Structures are given as C-alpha cells and as structure tokens.
Protein backbone atom coordinates (compact mmCIF):
# COMPACT_ATOMS: atom_id res chain seq x y z
CA UNK A 1 -8.94 26.37 -16.54
CA UNK A 2 -8.55 22.65 -17.25
CA UNK A 3 -8.42 20.12 -14.47
CA UNK A 4 -4.91 18.85 -13.65
CA UNK A 5 -4.07 15.40 -14.94
CA UNK A 6 -4.12 12.67 -12.37
CA UNK A 7 -0.79 11.29 -11.26
CA UNK A 8 -1.87 7.90 -12.61
CA UNK A 9 -2.33 9.31 -16.13
CA UNK A 10 0.92 11.24 -15.96
CA UNK A 11 2.69 8.11 -14.74
CA UNK A 12 1.29 5.98 -17.57
CA UNK A 13 2.23 8.56 -20.21
CA UNK A 14 5.71 8.92 -18.71
CA UNK A 15 6.27 5.16 -18.70
CA UNK A 16 4.96 4.92 -22.27
CA UNK A 17 7.31 7.61 -23.54
CA UNK A 18 10.21 6.14 -21.60
CA UNK A 19 9.56 2.62 -22.94
CA UNK A 20 9.18 3.87 -26.52
CA UNK A 21 12.47 5.74 -26.21
CA UNK A 22 14.16 2.66 -24.77
CA UNK A 23 12.84 0.52 -27.63
CA UNK A 24 14.11 2.97 -30.27
CA UNK A 25 17.45 3.20 -28.45
CA UNK A 26 17.82 -0.60 -28.34
CA UNK A 27 16.89 -0.99 -32.03
CA UNK A 28 19.40 1.72 -32.96
CA UNK A 29 22.09 0.20 -30.73
CA UNK A 30 21.48 -3.25 -32.23
CA UNK A 31 21.85 -1.75 -35.70
CA UNK A 32 25.10 0.00 -34.84
CA UNK A 33 26.57 -3.15 -33.25
CA UNK A 34 25.43 -5.67 -35.86
CA UNK A 35 25.35 -3.47 -38.93
CA UNK A 36 21.79 -4.66 -39.58
CA UNK A 37 19.28 -1.80 -39.56
CA UNK A 38 15.51 -2.26 -39.74
CA UNK A 39 15.28 0.90 -41.82
CA UNK A 40 17.93 2.39 -44.04
CA UNK A 41 17.86 6.13 -43.39
CA UNK A 42 20.15 9.00 -44.13
CA UNK A 43 22.70 10.21 -41.62
CA UNK A 44 20.56 13.28 -40.81
CA UNK A 45 17.42 11.21 -40.14
CA UNK A 46 19.48 8.84 -37.97
CA UNK A 47 20.75 11.79 -35.89
CA UNK A 48 17.23 13.23 -35.60
CA UNK A 49 15.97 9.86 -34.35
CA UNK A 50 18.73 9.80 -31.72
CA UNK A 51 17.80 13.35 -30.64
CA UNK A 52 14.12 12.39 -30.45
CA UNK A 53 15.06 9.35 -28.37
CA UNK A 54 17.08 11.51 -25.99
CA UNK A 55 14.18 13.97 -25.64
CA UNK A 56 11.85 11.01 -25.05
CA UNK A 57 14.03 9.85 -22.17
CA UNK A 58 14.10 13.36 -20.70
CA UNK A 59 10.35 13.94 -21.08
CA UNK A 60 9.54 10.46 -19.76
CA UNK A 61 11.79 10.98 -16.74
CA UNK A 62 10.21 14.39 -16.08
CA UNK A 63 6.68 12.94 -16.22
CA UNK A 64 7.65 10.11 -13.88
CA UNK A 65 9.21 12.64 -11.47
CA UNK A 66 6.08 14.82 -11.65
CA UNK A 67 3.81 11.84 -10.99
CA UNK A 68 5.93 10.86 -8.00
CA UNK A 69 5.85 14.44 -6.69
CA UNK A 70 2.04 14.52 -6.91
CA UNK A 71 1.82 11.23 -5.04
CA UNK A 72 4.17 12.56 -2.36
CA UNK A 73 2.01 15.67 -1.92
CA UNK A 74 -1.14 13.56 -1.74
CA UNK A 75 0.49 11.26 0.84
CA UNK A 76 1.47 14.26 2.96
CA UNK A 77 -2.13 15.52 2.87
CA UNK A 78 -3.46 12.10 3.86
CA UNK A 79 -0.93 11.94 6.72
CA UNK A 80 -2.11 15.35 7.98
CA UNK A 81 -5.74 14.20 7.89
CA UNK A 82 -4.85 10.96 9.65
CA UNK A 83 -3.00 12.80 12.41
CA UNK A 84 -5.96 15.14 12.86
CA UNK A 85 -8.35 12.17 13.03
CA UNK A 86 -6.11 10.41 15.55
CA UNK A 87 -6.06 13.54 17.70
CA UNK A 88 -9.85 13.82 17.55
CA UNK A 89 -10.25 10.13 18.34
CA UNK A 90 -7.93 10.44 21.36
CA UNK A 91 -9.84 13.53 22.55
CA UNK A 92 -13.15 11.69 22.23
CA UNK A 93 -11.77 8.72 24.19
CA UNK A 94 -10.57 11.04 26.95
CA UNK A 95 -13.97 12.74 27.05
CA UNK A 96 -15.65 9.36 27.49
CA UNK A 97 -13.12 8.38 30.15
CA UNK A 98 -14.00 11.66 31.93
CA UNK A 99 -17.71 10.78 31.77
CA UNK A 100 -16.98 7.40 33.33
CA UNK A 101 -14.79 9.02 36.01
CA UNK A 102 -11.68 6.94 35.34
CA UNK A 103 -8.49 7.68 37.26
CA UNK A 104 -5.23 8.27 35.39
CA UNK A 105 -4.10 4.69 36.00
CA UNK A 106 -7.48 3.36 34.87
CA UNK A 107 -7.28 5.51 31.73
CA UNK A 108 -3.90 3.99 30.86
CA UNK A 109 -5.16 0.46 31.48
CA UNK A 110 -8.38 1.14 29.55
CA UNK A 111 -6.41 2.51 26.59
CA UNK A 112 -4.10 -0.52 26.56
CA UNK A 113 -7.07 -2.84 26.96
CA UNK A 114 -8.88 -1.22 24.03
CA UNK A 115 -5.69 -1.57 21.97
CA UNK A 116 -5.97 -5.32 22.54
CA UNK A 117 -3.09 -5.97 24.93
CA UNK A 118 -3.46 -8.89 27.32
CA UNK A 119 -3.50 -8.50 31.09
CA UNK A 120 0.04 -9.89 31.24
CA UNK A 121 1.28 -7.45 28.58
CA UNK A 122 -0.35 -4.50 30.35
CA UNK A 123 1.14 -5.58 33.68
CA UNK A 124 4.59 -5.83 32.12
CA UNK A 125 4.30 -2.40 30.46
CA UNK A 126 3.03 -0.75 33.64
CA UNK A 127 5.52 -2.65 35.83
CA UNK A 128 2.81 -3.98 38.14
CA UNK A 129 1.17 -7.30 38.91
CA UNK A 130 -1.47 -8.97 36.79
CA UNK A 131 -3.77 -8.92 39.82
CA UNK A 132 -3.56 -5.11 39.91
CA UNK A 133 -4.43 -4.89 36.21
CA UNK A 134 -7.36 -7.28 36.67
CA UNK A 135 -8.59 -5.16 39.58
CA UNK A 136 -8.27 -1.96 37.52
CA UNK A 137 -10.05 -3.60 34.58
CA UNK A 138 -12.91 -4.61 36.90
CA UNK A 139 -13.17 -1.00 38.14
CA UNK A 140 -13.18 0.25 34.53
CA UNK A 141 -15.89 -2.24 33.52
CA UNK A 142 -18.00 -1.26 36.56
CA UNK A 143 -17.69 2.48 35.82
CA UNK A 144 -18.42 1.91 32.11
CA UNK A 145 -21.34 -0.41 33.01
CA UNK A 146 -19.95 -3.30 30.96
CA UNK A 147 -18.87 -6.85 31.81
CA UNK A 148 -15.94 -7.54 29.44
CA UNK A 149 -13.25 -6.14 27.18
CA UNK A 150 -15.48 -6.72 24.16
CA UNK A 151 -18.34 -4.79 25.74
CA UNK A 152 -15.92 -1.99 26.71
CA UNK A 153 -14.79 -1.63 23.10
CA UNK A 154 -18.42 -1.80 21.96
CA UNK A 155 -19.44 0.91 24.47
CA UNK A 156 -16.64 3.19 23.25
CA UNK A 157 -17.59 2.66 19.63
CA UNK A 158 -21.25 3.34 20.43
CA UNK A 159 -20.33 6.57 22.20
CA UNK A 160 -17.99 7.66 19.41
CA UNK A 161 -20.58 7.00 16.70
CA UNK A 162 -23.34 9.00 18.35
CA UNK A 163 -23.89 12.24 16.45
CA UNK A 164 -24.98 15.01 18.80
C-alpha cells in the first residue's frame, strides 16, 4: 500500500492544474473575442481543448478541496491533543497545589498569578481588595517555599518537568 500524498503536494498539484486550466481558458477566450488564435486548430480539436480545460478546473477544484479536507482533519487531531495536554497540565498544577496545601481561594489566586495577571487585575476579577490578594500571594509563596511570582512559576515548571 502506498503512503498517502501529503496535503501540501495535493495542494500544489491542484493549484498547478487549476492555473494551467485558467491559462488555457484565457488564451481561448482571448482568441474568441479578438479573432486572433495562437494556434489554428480544427473545430474538433478546439472543442476537445475546451473539454480538457473544463476537466482541469474540476480536477483542480477537487484536489484543492481534498487538500483542505486533510488539513481540517489534521487540525482537529491537533486540537484534540492540545485539549488533552491542557487537561493534563491543569491536573498536574492541581496536584502540586495539593502538595503545597493551598486553599481554594489560594489556588485561584495562584492560577491567575501564574497566568501573569497583576495584583490589581486579580483583585478586580475576584471582587476583593488588592491587600487581600497580596496577603494570599504571600501565603502561596510561603507554602511553595518561594519569594516571588517568578520563583513560583519556576517552582511549578521544575515540578512539572520532573519525570518520576
């Protein structure tokens, strides 16, 4: 069984056929409008060229559609893998938060902190004061045995990269 053609190859062939058909169509159209033909051919050959051009358009369009379909399927697969990875990442973060003994509020603040939100933005989202967020961040840093947001992110990355 031969390996399936890549969508890139199918796309290039489809575009090539489509462009060749368009070129032949334009040359033929120019000849019919101006009366000047690049090649003098019989009526039968002229009709066969028009049929070949039509088939070229159809085949080119089919190949472009097929290439697009393959890319759509590949994108769906990548999306599934990304969602699975996001779920695993979130589970690993929660496991680390469990190890540190963070409360639910601290987990929310830690997650928003890791995402890069400022204290003011976190306070606004959680509808609380900036002082409360600073206090929760200090508790998170103490439980995680770090001194700053940067160290918190570094500690999470270190924990996530450890292969057990």
